[in-house]
Amino acid sequence: MVGEVGELSEIFQWKGEVPKGLPDWEEEEKVHLGEELSDVLLYLVRLSDVCGVDLGKAALRKIELNAIKYPKPSSE
Protein backbone atom coordinates (compact mmCIF):
# COMPACT_ATOMS: atom_id res chain seq x y z
CA MET A 1 0.00 0.00 0.00
CA VAL A 2 2.86 2.37 0.78
CA GLY A 3 4.15 1.90 -2.76
CA GLU A 4 0.74 2.76 -4.20
CA VAL A 5 0.50 5.90 -2.05
CA GLY A 6 3.98 6.80 -3.27
CA GLU A 7 2.88 6.44 -6.88
CA LEU A 8 -0.13 8.65 -6.15
CA SER A 9 1.99 11.31 -4.47
CA GLU A 10 4.39 11.37 -7.43
CA ILE A 11 1.55 12.59 -9.62
CA PHE A 12 1.22 15.72 -7.47
CA GLN A 13 4.90 16.18 -6.65
CA TRP A 14 5.59 18.99 -9.14
CA LYS A 15 2.03 20.26 -9.66
CA GLY A 16 1.98 22.90 -6.92
CA GLU A 17 -1.49 24.11 -5.97
CA VAL A 18 -4.10 21.98 -7.72
CA PRO A 19 -7.44 23.69 -8.49
CA LYS A 20 -10.71 21.82 -8.11
CA GLY A 21 -11.59 19.84 -11.20
CA LEU A 22 -8.00 19.83 -12.48
CA PRO A 23 -8.77 22.22 -15.36
CA ASP A 24 -5.14 22.41 -16.52
CA TRP A 25 -4.60 18.65 -16.59
CA GLU A 26 -4.58 16.57 -19.75
CA GLU A 27 -7.23 13.84 -19.97
CA GLU A 28 -4.50 11.19 -19.85
CA GLU A 29 -3.24 12.64 -16.54
CA LYS A 30 -6.75 12.51 -15.08
CA VAL A 31 -7.15 8.89 -16.15
CA HIS A 32 -3.80 8.01 -14.57
CA LEU A 33 -4.82 9.79 -11.37
CA GLY A 34 -8.05 7.78 -11.26
CA GLU A 35 -6.10 4.55 -11.65
CA GLU A 36 -3.70 5.40 -8.82
CA LEU A 37 -6.52 6.58 -6.52
CA SER A 38 -8.31 3.30 -7.23
CA ASP A 39 -5.19 1.29 -6.38
CA VAL A 40 -4.92 3.03 -3.00
CA LEU A 41 -8.64 2.58 -2.31
CA LEU A 42 -8.54 -1.13 -3.14
CA TYR A 43 -5.56 -1.73 -0.85
CA LEU A 44 -7.28 0.21 1.93
CA VAL A 45 -10.51 -1.77 1.56
CA ARG A 46 -8.58 -5.07 1.58
CA LEU A 47 -6.56 -4.02 4.62
CA SER A 48 -9.65 -2.97 6.57
CA ASP A 49 -11.30 -6.31 5.71
CA VAL A 50 -8.28 -8.33 6.85
CA CYS A 51 -8.10 -6.31 10.07
CA GLY A 52 -11.84 -6.57 10.73
CA VAL A 53 -12.38 -2.82 10.62
CA ASP A 54 -15.70 -1.50 9.34
CA LEU A 55 -14.24 1.26 7.23
CA GLY A 56 -17.53 3.11 6.80
CA LYS A 57 -18.16 3.24 10.55
CA ALA A 58 -14.55 4.18 11.26
CA ALA A 59 -14.69 7.04 8.75
CA LEU A 60 -17.95 8.39 10.16
CA ARG A 61 -16.52 8.21 13.68
CA LYS A 62 -13.41 10.09 12.55
CA ILE A 63 -15.57 12.81 10.96
CA GLU A 64 -17.43 13.17 14.26
CA LEU A 65 -14.18 13.39 16.24
CA ASN A 66 -12.76 15.96 13.82
CA ALA A 67 -15.92 18.07 14.15
CA ILE A 68 -15.38 18.17 17.91
CA LYS A 69 -11.65 18.81 17.65
CA TYR A 70 -11.98 21.42 14.88
CA PRO A 71 -15.40 23.09 15.29
CA LYS A 72 -16.68 25.43 12.61
CA PRO A 73 -16.07 29.09 13.47
CA SER A 74 -19.07 30.86 14.92
CA SER A 75 -20.76 33.29 12.52
CA GLU A 76 -21.74 35.69 15.30
PDB file of N, CA and C in Angstrom:
ATOM      1  N   MET A   1       0.828  -1.192   0.000  1.00  0.00           N
ATOM      2  CA  MET A   1       0.000   0.000   0.000  1.00  0.00           C
ATOM      3  C   MET A   1       0.872   1.255   0.000  1.00  0.00           C
ATOM      4  N   VAL A   2       1.967   1.212   0.727  1.00  0.00           N
ATOM      5  CA  VAL A   2       2.857   2.373   0.777  1.00  0.00           C
ATOM      6  C   VAL A   2       3.369   2.702  -0.621  1.00  0.00           C
ATOM      7  N   GLY A   3       3.691   1.673  -1.392  1.00  0.00           N
ATOM      8  CA  GLY A   3       4.149   1.896  -2.764  1.00  0.00           C
ATOM      9  C   GLY A   3       3.092   2.574  -3.609  1.00  0.00           C
ATOM     10  N   GLU A   4       1.834   2.162  -3.432  1.00  0.00           N
ATOM     11  CA  GLU A   4       0.740   2.763  -4.199  1.00  0.00           C
ATOM     12  C   GLU A   4       0.533   4.220  -3.801  1.00  0.00           C
ATOM     13  N   VAL A   5       0.622   4.510  -2.511  1.00  0.00           N
ATOM     14  CA  VAL A   5       0.497   5.898  -2.055  1.00  0.00           C
ATOM     15  C   VAL A   5       1.651   6.726  -2.607  1.00  0.00           C
ATOM     16  N   GLY A   6       2.829   6.120  -2.678  1.00  0.00           N
ATOM     17  CA  GLY A   6       3.981   6.805  -3.265  1.00  0.00           C
ATOM     18  C   GLY A   6       3.746   7.143  -4.725  1.00  0.00           C
ATOM     19  N   GLU A   7       3.182   6.186  -5.474  1.00  0.00           N
ATOM     20  CA  GLU A   7       2.876   6.445  -6.884  1.00  0.00           C
ATOM     21  C   GLU A   7       1.854   7.568  -7.017  1.00  0.00           C
ATOM     22  N   LEU A   8       0.876   7.583  -6.135  1.00  0.00           N
ATOM     23  CA  LEU A   8      -0.130   8.647  -6.149  1.00  0.00           C
ATOM     24  C   LEU A   8       0.506   9.997  -5.836  1.00  0.00           C
ATOM     25  N   SER A   9       1.366  10.035  -4.841  1.00  0.00           N
ATOM     26  CA  SER A   9       1.988  11.310  -4.468  1.00  0.00           C
ATOM     27  C   SER A   9       2.913  11.838  -5.560  1.00  0.00           C
ATOM     28  N   GLU A  10       3.525  10.943  -6.326  1.00  0.00           N
ATOM     29  CA  GLU A  10       4.391  11.373  -7.428  1.00  0.00           C
ATOM     30  C   GLU A  10       3.624  12.185  -8.467  1.00  0.00           C
ATOM     31  N   ILE A  11       2.364  11.865  -8.646  1.00  0.00           N
ATOM     32  CA  ILE A  11       1.545  12.591  -9.618  1.00  0.00           C
ATOM     33  C   ILE A  11       1.460  14.071  -9.241  1.00  0.00           C
ATOM     34  N   PHE A  12       1.394  14.350  -7.951  1.00  0.00           N
ATOM     35  CA  PHE A  12       1.222  15.721  -7.470  1.00  0.00           C
ATOM     36  C   PHE A  12       2.538  16.412  -7.126  1.00  0.00           C
ATOM     37  N   GLN A  13       3.626  15.675  -7.146  1.00  0.00           N
ATOM     38  CA  GLN A  13       4.904  16.177  -6.646  1.00  0.00           C
ATOM     39  C   GLN A  13       5.295  17.534  -7.225  1.00  0.00           C
ATOM     40  N   TRP A  14       5.145  17.745  -8.492  1.00  0.00           N
ATOM     41  CA  TRP A  14       5.593  18.990  -9.135  1.00  0.00           C
ATOM     42  C   TRP A  14       4.427  19.839  -9.636  1.00  0.00           C
ATOM     43  N   LYS A  15       3.210  19.543  -9.176  1.00  0.00           N
ATOM     44  CA  LYS A  15       2.033  20.261  -9.662  1.00  0.00           C
ATOM     45  C   LYS A  15       1.770  21.564  -8.913  1.00  0.00           C
ATOM     46  N   GLY A  16       2.290  21.713  -7.709  1.00  0.00           N
ATOM     47  CA  GLY A  16       1.976  22.901  -6.924  1.00  0.00           C
ATOM     48  C   GLY A  16       0.528  22.860  -6.474  1.00  0.00           C
ATOM     49  N   GLU A  17      -0.081  24.020  -6.364  1.00  0.00           N
ATOM     50  CA  GLU A  17      -1.490  24.107  -5.969  1.00  0.00           C
ATOM     51  C   GLU A  17      -2.353  23.533  -7.085  1.00  0.00           C
ATOM     52  N   VAL A  18      -3.270  22.656  -6.722  1.00  0.00           N
ATOM     53  CA  VAL A  18      -4.105  21.982  -7.718  1.00  0.00           C
ATOM     54  C   VAL A  18      -5.540  22.483  -7.573  1.00  0.00           C
ATOM     55  N   PRO A  19      -6.065  23.185  -8.585  1.00  0.00           N
ATOM     56  CA  PRO A  19      -7.436  23.693  -8.493  1.00  0.00           C
ATOM     57  C   PRO A  19      -8.467  22.574  -8.642  1.00  0.00           C
ATOM     58  N   LYS A  20      -9.622  22.791  -8.043  1.00  0.00           N
ATOM     59  CA  LYS A  20     -10.707  21.819  -8.109  1.00  0.00           C
ATOM     60  C   LYS A  20     -11.067  21.523  -9.561  1.00  0.00           C
ATOM     61  N   GLY A  21     -11.219  20.253  -9.857  1.00  0.00           N
ATOM     62  CA  GLY A  21     -11.592  19.837 -11.205  1.00  0.00           C
ATOM     63  C   GLY A  21     -10.417  19.628 -12.134  1.00  0.00           C
ATOM     64  N   LEU A  22      -9.234  20.011 -11.692  1.00  0.00           N
ATOM     65  CA  LEU A  22      -7.999  19.835 -12.476  1.00  0.00           C
ATOM     66  C   LEU A  22      -8.116  20.398 -13.893  1.00  0.00           C
ATOM     67  N   PRO A  23      -8.521  21.659 -14.027  1.00  0.00           N
ATOM     68  CA  PRO A  23      -8.773  22.217 -15.356  1.00  0.00           C
ATOM     69  C   PRO A  23      -7.551  22.265 -16.265  1.00  0.00           C
ATOM     70  N   ASP A  24      -6.355  22.319 -15.702  1.00  0.00           N
ATOM     71  CA  ASP A  24      -5.144  22.411 -16.520  1.00  0.00           C
ATOM     72  C   ASP A  24      -4.527  21.051 -16.824  1.00  0.00           C
ATOM     73  N   TRP A  25      -5.159  19.984 -16.388  1.00  0.00           N
ATOM     74  CA  TRP A  25      -4.604  18.652 -16.589  1.00  0.00           C
ATOM     75  C   TRP A  25      -5.082  18.066 -17.914  1.00  0.00           C
ATOM     76  N   GLU A  26      -4.212  17.313 -18.545  1.00  0.00           N
ATOM     77  CA  GLU A  26      -4.581  16.565 -19.749  1.00  0.00           C
ATOM     78  C   GLU A  26      -5.488  15.405 -19.336  1.00  0.00           C
ATOM     79  N   GLU A  27      -6.324  14.958 -20.260  1.00  0.00           N
ATOM     80  CA  GLU A  27      -7.228  13.841 -19.971  1.00  0.00           C
ATOM     81  C   GLU A  27      -6.451  12.594 -19.551  1.00  0.00           C
ATOM     82  N   GLU A  28      -5.326  12.352 -20.186  1.00  0.00           N
ATOM     83  CA  GLU A  28      -4.495  11.188 -19.851  1.00  0.00           C
ATOM     84  C   GLU A  28      -4.004  11.256 -18.402  1.00  0.00           C
ATOM     85  N   GLU A  29      -3.675  12.462 -17.932  1.00  0.00           N
ATOM     86  CA  GLU A  29      -3.240  12.636 -16.543  1.00  0.00           C
ATOM     87  C   GLU A  29      -4.384  12.333 -15.574  1.00  0.00           C
ATOM     88  N   LYS A  30      -5.582  12.767 -15.934  1.00  0.00           N
ATOM     89  CA  LYS A  30      -6.746  12.511 -15.081  1.00  0.00           C
ATOM     90  C   LYS A  30      -7.053  11.019 -15.009  1.00  0.00           C
ATOM     91  N   VAL A  31      -6.920  10.334 -16.127  1.00  0.00           N
ATOM     92  CA  VAL A  31      -7.147   8.886 -16.150  1.00  0.00           C
ATOM     93  C   VAL A  31      -6.116   8.191 -15.261  1.00  0.00           C
ATOM     94  N   HIS A  32      -4.866   8.593 -15.399  1.00  0.00           N
ATOM     95  CA  HIS A  32      -3.802   8.006 -14.573  1.00  0.00           C
ATOM     96  C   HIS A  32      -4.066   8.257 -13.092  1.00  0.00           C
ATOM     97  N   LEU A  33      -4.481   9.460 -12.753  1.00  0.00           N
ATOM     98  CA  LEU A  33      -4.820   9.788 -11.370  1.00  0.00           C
ATOM     99  C   LEU A  33      -5.921   8.863 -10.859  1.00  0.00           C
ATOM    100  N   GLY A  34      -6.956   8.668 -11.657  1.00  0.00           N
ATOM    101  CA  GLY A  34      -8.049   7.777 -11.261  1.00  0.00           C
ATOM    102  C   GLY A  34      -7.570   6.362 -11.001  1.00  0.00           C
ATOM    103  N   GLU A  35      -6.649   5.891 -11.829  1.00  0.00           N
ATOM    104  CA  GLU A  35      -6.098   4.547 -11.646  1.00  0.00           C
ATOM    105  C   GLU A  35      -5.325   4.445 -10.335  1.00  0.00           C
ATOM    106  N   GLU A  36      -4.503   5.442 -10.045  1.00  0.00           N
ATOM    107  CA  GLU A  36      -3.705   5.400  -8.819  1.00  0.00           C
ATOM    108  C   GLU A  36      -4.579   5.568  -7.576  1.00  0.00           C
ATOM    109  N   LEU A  37      -5.582   6.445  -7.635  1.00  0.00           N
ATOM    110  CA  LEU A  37      -6.517   6.577  -6.518  1.00  0.00           C
ATOM    111  C   LEU A  37      -7.245   5.257  -6.270  1.00  0.00           C
ATOM    112  N   SER A  38      -7.628   4.593  -7.347  1.00  0.00           N
ATOM    113  CA  SER A  38      -8.308   3.302  -7.227  1.00  0.00           C
ATOM    114  C   SER A  38      -7.408   2.256  -6.594  1.00  0.00           C
ATOM    115  N   ASP A  39      -6.135   2.237  -6.978  1.00  0.00           N
ATOM    116  CA  ASP A  39      -5.189   1.294  -6.376  1.00  0.00           C
ATOM    117  C   ASP A  39      -5.119   1.484  -4.864  1.00  0.00           C
ATOM    118  N   VAL A  40      -5.005   2.738  -4.431  1.00  0.00           N
ATOM    119  CA  VAL A  40      -4.920   3.028  -2.995  1.00  0.00           C
ATOM    120  C   VAL A  40      -6.212   2.612  -2.299  1.00  0.00           C
ATOM    121  N   LEU A  41      -7.343   2.935  -2.901  1.00  0.00           N
ATOM    122  CA  LEU A  41      -8.636   2.579  -2.312  1.00  0.00           C
ATOM    123  C   LEU A  41      -8.772   1.068  -2.162  1.00  0.00           C
ATOM    124  N   LEU A  42      -8.412   0.328  -3.194  1.00  0.00           N
ATOM    125  CA  LEU A  42      -8.543  -1.130  -3.136  1.00  0.00           C
ATOM    126  C   LEU A  42      -7.656  -1.735  -2.054  1.00  0.00           C
ATOM    127  N   TYR A  43      -6.431  -1.249  -1.927  1.00  0.00           N
ATOM    128  CA  TYR A  43      -5.558  -1.732  -0.852  1.00  0.00           C
ATOM    129  C   TYR A  43      -6.153  -1.404   0.509  1.00  0.00           C
ATOM    130  N   LEU A  44      -6.693  -0.208   0.660  1.00  0.00           N
ATOM    131  CA  LEU A  44      -7.278   0.211   1.928  1.00  0.00           C
ATOM    132  C   LEU A  44      -8.485  -0.652   2.293  1.00  0.00           C
ATOM    133  N   VAL A  45      -9.332  -0.932   1.323  1.00  0.00           N
ATOM    134  CA  VAL A  45     -10.508  -1.774   1.563  1.00  0.00           C
ATOM    135  C   VAL A  45     -10.071  -3.186   1.952  1.00  0.00           C
ATOM    136  N   ARG A  46      -9.088  -3.725   1.242  1.00  0.00           N
ATOM    137  CA  ARG A  46      -8.584  -5.066   1.579  1.00  0.00           C
ATOM    138  C   ARG A  46      -7.985  -5.089   2.982  1.00  0.00           C
ATOM    139  N   LEU A  47      -7.195  -4.083   3.306  1.00  0.00           N
ATOM    140  CA  LEU A  47      -6.563  -4.020   4.621  1.00  0.00           C
ATOM    141  C   LEU A  47      -7.608  -3.930   5.727  1.00  0.00           C
ATOM    142  N   SER A  48      -8.612  -3.103   5.546  1.00  0.00           N
ATOM    143  CA  SER A  48      -9.652  -2.974   6.568  1.00  0.00           C
ATOM    144  C   SER A  48     -10.409  -4.287   6.734  1.00  0.00           C
ATOM    145  N   ASP A  49     -10.620  -5.015   5.643  1.00  0.00           N
ATOM    146  CA  ASP A  49     -11.296  -6.307   5.707  1.00  0.00           C
ATOM    147  C   ASP A  49     -10.451  -7.315   6.486  1.00  0.00           C
ATOM    148  N   VAL A  50      -9.178  -7.399   6.164  1.00  0.00           N
ATOM    149  CA  VAL A  50      -8.276  -8.334   6.853  1.00  0.00           C
ATOM    150  C   VAL A  50      -8.200  -8.015   8.345  1.00  0.00           C
ATOM    151  N   CYS A  51      -8.216  -6.732   8.672  1.00  0.00           N
ATOM    152  CA  CYS A  51      -8.100  -6.307  10.072  1.00  0.00           C
ATOM    153  C   CYS A  51      -9.434  -6.305  10.811  1.00  0.00           C
ATOM    154  N   GLY A  52     -10.526  -6.555  10.095  1.00  0.00           N
ATOM    155  CA  GLY A  52     -11.839  -6.569  10.731  1.00  0.00           C
ATOM    156  C   GLY A  52     -12.350  -5.194  11.105  1.00  0.00           C
ATOM    157  N   VAL A  53     -11.935  -4.187  10.365  1.00  0.00           N
ATOM    158  CA  VAL A  53     -12.377  -2.817  10.624  1.00  0.00           C
ATOM    159  C   VAL A  53     -13.493  -2.459   9.647  1.00  0.00           C
ATOM    160  N   ASP A  54     -14.623  -2.000  10.189  1.00  0.00           N
ATOM    161  CA  ASP A  54     -15.704  -1.500   9.344  1.00  0.00           C
ATOM    162  C   ASP A  54     -15.299  -0.096   8.913  1.00  0.00           C
ATOM    163  N   LEU A  55     -14.810   0.007   7.703  1.00  0.00           N
ATOM    164  CA  LEU A  55     -14.236   1.261   7.229  1.00  0.00           C
ATOM    165  C   LEU A  55     -15.262   2.394   7.196  1.00  0.00           C
ATOM    166  N   GLY A  56     -16.486   2.090   6.816  1.00  0.00           N
ATOM    167  CA  GLY A  56     -17.532   3.113   6.802  1.00  0.00           C
ATOM    168  C   GLY A  56     -17.784   3.682   8.187  1.00  0.00           C
ATOM    169  N   LYS A  57     -17.937   2.795   9.166  1.00  0.00           N
ATOM    170  CA  LYS A  57     -18.161   3.242  10.546  1.00  0.00           C
ATOM    171  C   LYS A  57     -16.957   4.012  11.079  1.00  0.00           C
ATOM    172  N   ALA A  58     -15.765   3.511  10.780  1.00  0.00           N
ATOM    173  CA  ALA A  58     -14.549   4.178  11.255  1.00  0.00           C
ATOM    174  C   ALA A  58     -14.430   5.582  10.666  1.00  0.00           C
ATOM    175  N   ALA A  59     -14.766   5.727   9.396  1.00  0.00           N
ATOM    176  CA  ALA A  59     -14.686   7.039   8.746  1.00  0.00           C
ATOM    177  C   ALA A  59     -15.708   8.007   9.341  1.00  0.00           C
ATOM    178  N   LEU A  60     -16.934   7.526   9.560  1.00  0.00           N
ATOM    179  CA  LEU A  60     -17.953   8.390  10.165  1.00  0.00           C
ATOM    180  C   LEU A  60     -17.543   8.816  11.572  1.00  0.00           C
ATOM    181  N   ARG A  61     -16.987   7.889  12.328  1.00  0.00           N
ATOM    182  CA  ARG A  61     -16.522   8.210  13.678  1.00  0.00           C
ATOM    183  C   ARG A  61     -15.422   9.266  13.626  1.00  0.00           C
ATOM    184  N   LYS A  62     -14.512   9.126  12.684  1.00  0.00           N
ATOM    185  CA  LYS A  62     -13.414  10.091  12.549  1.00  0.00           C
ATOM    186  C   LYS A  62     -13.946  11.473  12.183  1.00  0.00           C
ATOM    187  N   ILE A  63     -14.944  11.528  11.321  1.00  0.00           N
ATOM    188  CA  ILE A  63     -15.565  12.811  10.962  1.00  0.00           C
ATOM    189  C   ILE A  63     -16.170  13.463  12.205  1.00  0.00           C
ATOM    190  N   GLU A  64     -16.845  12.651  13.025  1.00  0.00           N
ATOM    191  CA  GLU A  64     -17.431  13.173  14.263  1.00  0.00           C
ATOM    192  C   GLU A  64     -16.351  13.706  15.204  1.00  0.00           C
ATOM    193  N   LEU A  65     -15.276  12.946  15.365  1.00  0.00           N
ATOM    194  CA  LEU A  65     -14.179  13.386  16.236  1.00  0.00           C
ATOM    195  C   LEU A  65     -13.534  14.671  15.718  1.00  0.00           C
ATOM    196  N   ASN A  66     -13.347  14.753  14.408  1.00  0.00           N
ATOM    197  CA  ASN A  66     -12.761  15.963  13.824  1.00  0.00           C
ATOM    198  C   ASN A  66     -13.667  17.173  14.013  1.00  0.00           C
ATOM    199  N   ALA A  67     -14.985  16.964  13.948  1.00  0.00           N
ATOM    200  CA  ALA A  67     -15.923  18.072  14.149  1.00  0.00           C
ATOM    201  C   ALA A  67     -15.822  18.619  15.572  1.00  0.00           C
ATOM    202  N   ILE A  68     -15.552  17.737  16.520  1.00  0.00           N
ATOM    203  CA  ILE A  68     -15.379  18.170  17.910  1.00  0.00           C
ATOM    204  C   ILE A  68     -14.031  18.870  18.077  1.00  0.00           C
ATOM    205  N   LYS A  69     -13.006  18.275  17.505  1.00  0.00           N
ATOM    206  CA  LYS A  69     -11.651  18.813  17.645  1.00  0.00           C
ATOM    207  C   LYS A  69     -11.472  20.127  16.889  1.00  0.00           C
ATOM    208  N   TYR A  70     -12.112  20.230  15.731  1.00  0.00           N
ATOM    209  CA  TYR A  70     -11.981  21.420  14.875  1.00  0.00           C
ATOM    210  C   TYR A  70     -13.370  21.977  14.560  1.00  0.00           C
ATOM    211  N   PRO A  71     -14.039  22.584  15.540  1.00  0.00           N
ATOM    212  CA  PRO A  71     -15.399  23.090  15.294  1.00  0.00           C
ATOM    213  C   PRO A  71     -15.403  24.225  14.267  1.00  0.00           C
ATOM    214  N   LYS A  72     -16.525  24.335  13.567  1.00  0.00           N
ATOM    215  CA  LYS A  72     -16.679  25.433  12.606  1.00  0.00           C
ATOM    216  C   LYS A  72     -16.689  26.751  13.369  1.00  0.00           C
ATOM    217  N   PRO A  73     -16.060  27.777  12.802  1.00  0.00           N
ATOM    218  CA  PRO A  73     -16.074  29.085  13.468  1.00  0.00           C
ATOM    219  C   PRO A  73     -17.498  29.614  13.594  1.00  0.00           C
ATOM    220  N   SER A  74     -17.756  30.265  14.695  1.00  0.00           N
ATOM    221  CA  SER A  74     -19.068  30.859  14.923  1.00  0.00           C
ATOM    222  C   SER A  74     -19.261  32.034  13.973  1.00  0.00           C
ATOM    223  N   SER A  75     -20.477  32.192  13.456  1.00  0.00           N
ATOM    224  CA  SER A  75     -20.755  33.290  12.519  1.00  0.00           C
ATOM    225  C   SER A  75     -21.381  34.481  13.236  1.00  0.00           C
ATOM    226  N   GLU A  76     -21.165  34.574  14.516  1.00  0.00           N
ATOM    227  CA  GLU A  76     -21.740  35.686  15.298  1.00  0.00           C
ATOM    228  C   GLU A  76     -20.919  36.927  15.154  1.00  0.00           C
TER     229      GLU A  76
END
